[in-house]
Amino acid sequence: NKTDLVCRTAFDSFVITGTSGTFLPAK
C-alpha cells in the first residue's frame, strides 16, 4: 500500500516517497 520505499546499502540510501505497487520475489 502507499508508503515510502527505502533502498539501503553499506554506504548510502535513497527513498521513493509515496509509492505503491506489487513485488514479484521470484522475478
PDB file of all heavy atoms in Angstrom:
ATOM      1  N   ASN A   1       0.842  -1.188   0.000  1.00  0.00           N
ATOM      2  CA  ASN A   1       0.000   0.000   0.000  1.00  0.00           C
ATOM      3  C   ASN A   1       0.885   1.249   0.000  1.00  0.00           C
ATOM      4  O   ASN A   1       2.099   1.160   0.109  1.00  0.00           O
ATOM      5  CB  ASN A   1      -0.917  -0.010   1.230  1.00  0.00           C
ATOM      6  CG  ASN A   1      -1.822  -1.228   1.247  1.00  0.00           C
ATOM      7  OD1 ASN A   1      -2.230  -1.729   0.199  1.00  0.00           O
ATOM      8  ND2 ASN A   1      -2.123  -1.716   2.440  1.00  0.00           N
ATOM      9  N   LYS A   2       0.278   2.401  -0.128  1.00  0.00           N
ATOM     10  CA  LYS A   2       1.049   3.633  -0.267  1.00  0.00           C
ATOM     11  C   LYS A   2       1.994   3.823   0.903  1.00  0.00           C
ATOM     12  O   LYS A   2       1.594   3.848   2.070  1.00  0.00           O
ATOM     13  CB  LYS A   2       0.105   4.831  -0.371  1.00  0.00           C
ATOM     14  CG  LYS A   2       0.834   6.124  -0.762  1.00  0.00           C
ATOM     15  CD  LYS A   2      -0.144   7.243  -1.036  1.00  0.00           C
ATOM     16  CE  LYS A   2       0.607   8.498  -1.483  1.00  0.00           C
ATOM     17  NZ  LYS A   2      -0.320   9.616  -1.798  1.00  0.00           N
ATOM     18  N   THR A   3       3.273   3.954   0.580  1.00  0.00           N
ATOM     19  CA  THR A   3       4.303   4.078   1.611  1.00  0.00           C
ATOM     20  C   THR A   3       5.572   4.647   0.985  1.00  0.00           C
ATOM     21  O   THR A   3       5.616   4.912  -0.217  1.00  0.00           O
ATOM     22  CB  THR A   3       4.603   2.695   2.242  1.00  0.00           C
ATOM     23  OG1 THR A   3       5.530   2.866   3.320  1.00  0.00           O
ATOM     24  CG2 THR A   3       5.213   1.747   1.228  1.00  0.00           C
ATOM     25  N   ASP A   4       6.604   4.810   1.799  1.00  0.00           N
ATOM     26  CA  ASP A   4       7.928   5.176   1.301  1.00  0.00           C
ATOM     27  C   ASP A   4       8.747   3.899   1.166  1.00  0.00           C
ATOM     28  O   ASP A   4       8.809   3.086   2.092  1.00  0.00           O
ATOM     29  CB  ASP A   4       8.632   6.131   2.256  1.00  0.00           C
ATOM     30  CG  ASP A   4       7.934   7.477   2.355  1.00  0.00           C
ATOM     31  OD1 ASP A   4       7.149   7.802   1.449  1.00  0.00           O
ATOM     32  OD2 ASP A   4       8.153   8.187   3.355  1.00  0.00           O
ATOM     33  N   LEU A   5       9.369   3.733   0.014  1.00  0.00           N
ATOM     34  CA  LEU A   5      10.197   2.560  -0.256  1.00  0.00           C
ATOM     35  C   LEU A   5      11.660   2.977  -0.136  1.00  0.00           C
ATOM     36  O   LEU A   5      12.105   3.908  -0.812  1.00  0.00           O
ATOM     37  CB  LEU A   5       9.894   2.027  -1.657  1.00  0.00           C
ATOM     38  CG  LEU A   5      10.474   0.668  -2.035  1.00  0.00           C
ATOM     39  CD1 LEU A   5       9.947  -0.423  -1.113  1.00  0.00           C
ATOM     40  CD2 LEU A   5      10.116   0.336  -3.487  1.00  0.00           C
ATOM     41  N   VAL A   6      12.412   2.304   0.718  1.00  0.00           N
ATOM     42  CA  VAL A   6      13.791   2.689   1.027  1.00  0.00           C
ATOM     43  C   VAL A   6      14.755   1.641   0.508  1.00  0.00           C
ATOM     44  O   VAL A   6      14.546   0.437   0.698  1.00  0.00           O
ATOM     45  CB  VAL A   6      13.996   2.856   2.548  1.00  0.00           C
ATOM     46  CG1 VAL A   6      15.419   3.313   2.853  1.00  0.00           C
ATOM     47  CG2 VAL A   6      12.973   3.823   3.132  1.00  0.00           C
ATOM     48  N   CYS A   7      15.825   2.102  -0.137  1.00  0.00           N
ATOM     49  CA  CYS A   7      16.931   1.235  -0.526  1.00  0.00           C
ATOM     50  C   CYS A   7      18.151   1.633   0.292  1.00  0.00           C
ATOM     51  O   CYS A   7      18.587   2.783   0.239  1.00  0.00           O
ATOM     52  CB  CYS A   7      17.238   1.361  -2.018  1.00  0.00           C
ATOM     53  SG  CYS A   7      18.643   0.335  -2.549  1.00  0.00           S
ATOM     54  N   ARG A   8      18.700   0.682   1.038  1.00  0.00           N
ATOM     55  CA  ARG A   8      19.847   0.974   1.893  1.00  0.00           C
ATOM     56  C   ARG A   8      21.027   0.088   1.497  1.00  0.00           C
ATOM     57  O   ARG A   8      20.874  -1.118   1.316  1.00  0.00           O
ATOM     58  CB  ARG A   8      19.493   0.754   3.363  1.00  0.00           C
ATOM     59  CG  ARG A   8      20.599   1.173   4.336  1.00  0.00           C
ATOM     60  CD  ARG A   8      20.142   1.003   5.774  1.00  0.00           C
ATOM     61  NE  ARG A   8      18.978   1.791   6.074  1.00  0.00           N
ATOM     62  CZ  ARG A   8      18.991   3.090   6.376  1.00  0.00           C
ATOM     63  NH1 ARG A   8      20.158   3.737   6.408  1.00  0.00           N
ATOM     64  NH2 ARG A   8      17.888   3.739   6.635  1.00  0.00           N
ATOM     65  N   THR A   9      22.184   0.702   1.343  1.00  0.00           N
ATOM     66  CA  THR A   9      23.420  -0.023   1.088  1.00  0.00           C
ATOM     67  C   THR A   9      24.387   0.247   2.232  1.00  0.00           C
ATOM     68  O   THR A   9      24.068   0.968   3.182  1.00  0.00           O
ATOM     69  CB  THR A   9      24.059   0.422  -0.242  1.00  0.00           C
ATOM     70  OG1 THR A   9      24.580   1.757  -0.094  1.00  0.00           O
ATOM     71  CG2 THR A   9      23.057   0.390  -1.381  1.00  0.00           C
ATOM     72  N   ALA A  10      25.588  -0.298   2.142  1.00  0.00           N
ATOM     73  CA  ALA A  10      26.571  -0.079   3.198  1.00  0.00           C
ATOM     74  C   ALA A  10      27.051   1.363   3.238  1.00  0.00           C
ATOM     75  O   ALA A  10      27.567   1.832   4.265  1.00  0.00           O
ATOM     76  CB  ALA A  10      27.749  -1.018   2.996  1.00  0.00           C
ATOM     77  N   PHE A  11      26.880   2.094   2.142  1.00  0.00           N
ATOM     78  CA  PHE A  11      27.446   3.438   2.057  1.00  0.00           C
ATOM     79  C   PHE A  11      26.415   4.537   1.869  1.00  0.00           C
ATOM     80  O   PHE A  11      26.715   5.714   2.072  1.00  0.00           O
ATOM     81  CB  PHE A  11      28.454   3.505   0.895  1.00  0.00           C
ATOM     82  CG  PHE A  11      29.485   2.422   0.935  1.00  0.00           C
ATOM     83  CD1 PHE A  11      29.389   1.318   0.103  1.00  0.00           C
ATOM     84  CD2 PHE A  11      30.547   2.491   1.822  1.00  0.00           C
ATOM     85  CE1 PHE A  11      30.342   0.313   0.136  1.00  0.00           C
ATOM     86  CE2 PHE A  11      31.502   1.488   1.865  1.00  0.00           C
ATOM     87  CZ  PHE A  11      31.396   0.388   1.024  1.00  0.00           C
ATOM     88  N   ASP A  12      25.187   4.190   1.490  1.00  0.00           N
ATOM     89  CA  ASP A  12      24.222   5.227   1.142  1.00  0.00           C
ATOM     90  C   ASP A  12      22.812   4.648   1.223  1.00  0.00           C
ATOM     91  O   ASP A  12      22.623   3.440   1.419  1.00  0.00           O
ATOM     92  CB  ASP A  12      24.505   5.738  -0.272  1.00  0.00           C
ATOM     93  CG  ASP A  12      23.888   7.103  -0.536  1.00  0.00           C
ATOM     94  OD1 ASP A  12      23.283   7.659   0.399  1.00  0.00           O
ATOM     95  OD2 ASP A  12      24.003   7.594  -1.676  1.00  0.00           O
ATOM     96  N   SER A  13      21.834   5.518   1.030  1.00  0.00           N
ATOM     97  CA  SER A  13      20.449   5.089   0.947  1.00  0.00           C
ATOM     98  C   SER A  13      19.656   6.129   0.168  1.00  0.00           C
ATOM     99  O   SER A  13      20.058   7.293   0.090  1.00  0.00           O
ATOM    100  CB  SER A  13      19.840   4.902   2.336  1.00  0.00           C
ATOM    101  OG  SER A  13      19.768   6.138   3.021  1.00  0.00           O
ATOM    102  N   PHE A  14      18.567   5.716  -0.427  1.00  0.00           N
ATOM    103  CA  PHE A  14      17.663   6.660  -1.074  1.00  0.00           C
ATOM    104  C   PHE A  14      16.237   6.187  -0.892  1.00  0.00           C
ATOM    105  O   PHE A  14      15.978   5.013  -0.583  1.00  0.00           O
ATOM    106  CB  PHE A  14      18.009   6.853  -2.559  1.00  0.00           C
ATOM    107  CG  PHE A  14      17.834   5.629  -3.406  1.00  0.00           C
ATOM    108  CD1 PHE A  14      16.615   5.337  -4.000  1.00  0.00           C
ATOM    109  CD2 PHE A  14      18.899   4.770  -3.630  1.00  0.00           C
ATOM    110  CE1 PHE A  14      16.462   4.208  -4.796  1.00  0.00           C
ATOM    111  CE2 PHE A  14      18.756   3.643  -4.426  1.00  0.00           C
ATOM    112  CZ  PHE A  14      17.539   3.363  -5.011  1.00  0.00           C
ATOM    113  N   VAL A  15      15.291   7.107  -1.073  1.00  0.00           N
ATOM    114  CA  VAL A  15      13.893   6.830  -0.757  1.00  0.00           C
ATOM    115  C   VAL A  15      13.006   7.180  -1.947  1.00  0.00           C
ATOM    116  O   VAL A  15      13.179   8.224  -2.585  1.00  0.00           O
ATOM    117  CB  VAL A  15      13.444   7.657   0.473  1.00  0.00           C
ATOM    118  CG1 VAL A  15      11.988   7.341   0.819  1.00  0.00           C
ATOM    119  CG2 VAL A  15      14.353   7.403   1.659  1.00  0.00           C
ATOM    120  N   ILE A  16      12.065   6.294  -2.242  1.00  0.00           N
ATOM    121  CA  ILE A  16      10.989   6.578  -3.193  1.00  0.00           C
ATOM    122  C   ILE A  16       9.752   6.867  -2.351  1.00  0.00           C
ATOM    123  O   ILE A  16       9.223   5.975  -1.684  1.00  0.00           O
ATOM    124  CB  ILE A  16      10.731   5.391  -4.137  1.00  0.00           C
ATOM    125  CG1 ILE A  16      12.005   5.024  -4.898  1.00  0.00           C
ATOM    126  CG2 ILE A  16       9.605   5.716  -5.108  1.00  0.00           C
ATOM    127  CD1 ILE A  16      11.876   3.778  -5.750  1.00  0.00           C
ATOM    128  N   THR A  17       9.312   8.113  -2.333  1.00  0.00           N
ATOM    129  CA  THR A  17       8.234   8.514  -1.430  1.00  0.00           C
ATOM    130  C   THR A  17       6.864   8.291  -2.054  1.00  0.00           C
ATOM    131  O   THR A  17       6.680   8.387  -3.268  1.00  0.00           O
ATOM    132  CB  THR A  17       8.376   9.994  -1.045  1.00  0.00           C
ATOM    133  OG1 THR A  17       8.338  10.797  -2.227  1.00  0.00           O
ATOM    134  CG2 THR A  17       9.683  10.228  -0.310  1.00  0.00           C
ATOM    135  N   GLY A  18       5.913   7.995  -1.203  1.00  0.00           N
ATOM    136  CA  GLY A  18       4.516   7.894  -1.607  1.00  0.00           C
ATOM    137  C   GLY A  18       4.248   6.911  -2.725  1.00  0.00           C
ATOM    138  O   GLY A  18       3.450   7.203  -3.621  1.00  0.00           O
ATOM    139  N   THR A  19       4.879   5.774  -2.693  1.00  0.00           N
ATOM    140  CA  THR A  19       4.693   4.812  -3.773  1.00  0.00           C
ATOM    141  C   THR A  19       3.818   3.644  -3.321  1.00  0.00           C
ATOM    142  O   THR A  19       3.615   3.413  -2.127  1.00  0.00           O
ATOM    143  CB  THR A  19       6.045   4.275  -4.277  1.00  0.00           C
ATOM    144  OG1 THR A  19       5.840   3.504  -5.457  1.00  0.00           O
ATOM    145  CG2 THR A  19       6.704   3.389  -3.228  1.00  0.00           C
ATOM    146  N   SER A  20       3.318   2.903  -4.274  1.00  0.00           N
ATOM    147  CA  SER A  20       2.601   1.660  -4.019  1.00  0.00           C
ATOM    148  C   SER A  20       2.856   0.764  -5.214  1.00  0.00           C
ATOM    149  O   SER A  20       3.309   1.210  -6.265  1.00  0.00           O
ATOM    150  CB  SER A  20       1.102   1.908  -3.835  1.00  0.00           C
ATOM    151  OG  SER A  20       0.541   2.495  -5.012  1.00  0.00           O
ATOM    152  N   GLY A  21       2.598  -0.515  -5.067  1.00  0.00           N
ATOM    153  CA  GLY A  21       2.845  -1.414  -6.183  1.00  0.00           C
ATOM    154  C   GLY A  21       2.892  -2.857  -5.748  1.00  0.00           C
ATOM    155  O   GLY A  21       2.485  -3.213  -4.640  1.00  0.00           O
ATOM    156  N   THR A  22       3.420  -3.688  -6.637  1.00  0.00           N
ATOM    157  CA  THR A  22       3.486  -5.127  -6.399  1.00  0.00           C
ATOM    158  C   THR A  22       4.903  -5.613  -6.645  1.00  0.00           C
ATOM    159  O   THR A  22       5.525  -5.260  -7.654  1.00  0.00           O
ATOM    160  CB  THR A  22       2.519  -5.886  -7.332  1.00  0.00           C
ATOM    161  OG1 THR A  22       1.186  -5.422  -7.096  1.00  0.00           O
ATOM    162  CG2 THR A  22       2.581  -7.387  -7.075  1.00  0.00           C
ATOM    163  N   PHE A  23       5.407  -6.405  -5.713  1.00  0.00           N
ATOM    164  CA  PHE A  23       6.730  -7.003  -5.867  1.00  0.00           C
ATOM    165  C   PHE A  23       6.573  -8.490  -6.128  1.00  0.00           C
ATOM    166  O   PHE A  23       5.825  -9.186  -5.440  1.00  0.00           O
ATOM    167  CB  PHE A  23       7.576  -6.775  -4.618  1.00  0.00           C
ATOM    168  CG  PHE A  23       8.954  -7.372  -4.701  1.00  0.00           C
ATOM    169  CD1 PHE A  23       9.867  -6.900  -5.639  1.00  0.00           C
ATOM    170  CD2 PHE A  23       9.348  -8.398  -3.855  1.00  0.00           C
ATOM    171  CE1 PHE A  23      11.143  -7.443  -5.739  1.00  0.00           C
ATOM    172  CE2 PHE A  23      10.618  -8.946  -3.940  1.00  0.00           C
ATOM    173  CZ  PHE A  23      11.516  -8.469  -4.890  1.00  0.00           C
ATOM    174  N   LEU A  24       7.292  -8.991  -7.147  1.00  0.00           N
ATOM    175  CA  LEU A  24       7.288 -10.405  -7.502  1.00  0.00           C
ATOM    176  C   LEU A  24       8.644 -10.990  -7.120  1.00  0.00           C
ATOM    177  O   LEU A  24       9.627 -10.832  -7.862  1.00  0.00           O
ATOM    178  CB  LEU A  24       7.024 -10.590  -8.997  1.00  0.00           C
ATOM    179  CG  LEU A  24       5.758  -9.925  -9.557  1.00  0.00           C
ATOM    180  CD1 LEU A  24       5.682 -10.111 -11.070  1.00  0.00           C
ATOM    181  CD2 LEU A  24       4.509 -10.485  -8.885  1.00  0.00           C
ATOM    182  N   PRO A  25       8.767 -11.633  -5.964  1.00  0.00           N
ATOM    183  CA  PRO A  25      10.067 -12.122  -5.486  1.00  0.00           C
ATOM    184  C   PRO A  25      10.756 -13.088  -6.441  1.00  0.00           C
ATOM    185  O   PRO A  25      11.982 -13.061  -6.587  1.00  0.00           O
ATOM    186  CB  PRO A  25       9.717 -12.812  -4.158  1.00  0.00           C
ATOM    187  CG  PRO A  25       8.451 -12.179  -3.724  1.00  0.00           C
ATOM    188  CD  PRO A  25       7.701 -11.869  -4.977  1.00  0.00           C
ATOM    189  N   ALA A  26       9.986 -13.961  -7.091  1.00  0.00           N
ATOM    190  CA  ALA A  26      10.599 -14.960  -7.971  1.00  0.00           C
ATOM    191  C   ALA A  26      11.316 -14.316  -9.148  1.00  0.00           C
ATOM    192  O   ALA A  26      12.266 -14.881  -9.697  1.00  0.00           O
ATOM    193  CB  ALA A  26       9.536 -15.934  -8.475  1.00  0.00           C
ATOM    194  N   LYS A  27      10.876 -13.108  -9.527  1.00  0.00           N
ATOM    195  CA  LYS A  27      11.476 -12.402 -10.662  1.00  0.00           C
ATOM    196  C   LYS A  27      12.275 -11.184 -10.225  1.00  0.00           C
ATOM    197  O   LYS A  27      12.830 -10.478 -11.079  1.00  0.00           O
ATOM    198  CB  LYS A  27      10.373 -11.972 -11.638  1.00  0.00           C
ATOM    199  CG  LYS A  27       9.557 -13.125 -12.202  1.00  0.00           C
ATOM    200  CD  LYS A  27       8.430 -12.626 -13.093  1.00  0.00           C
ATOM    201  CE  LYS A  27       7.598 -13.791 -13.632  1.00  0.00           C
ATOM    202  NZ  LYS A  27       6.455 -13.315 -14.453  1.00  0.00           N
TER     203      LYS A  27
END
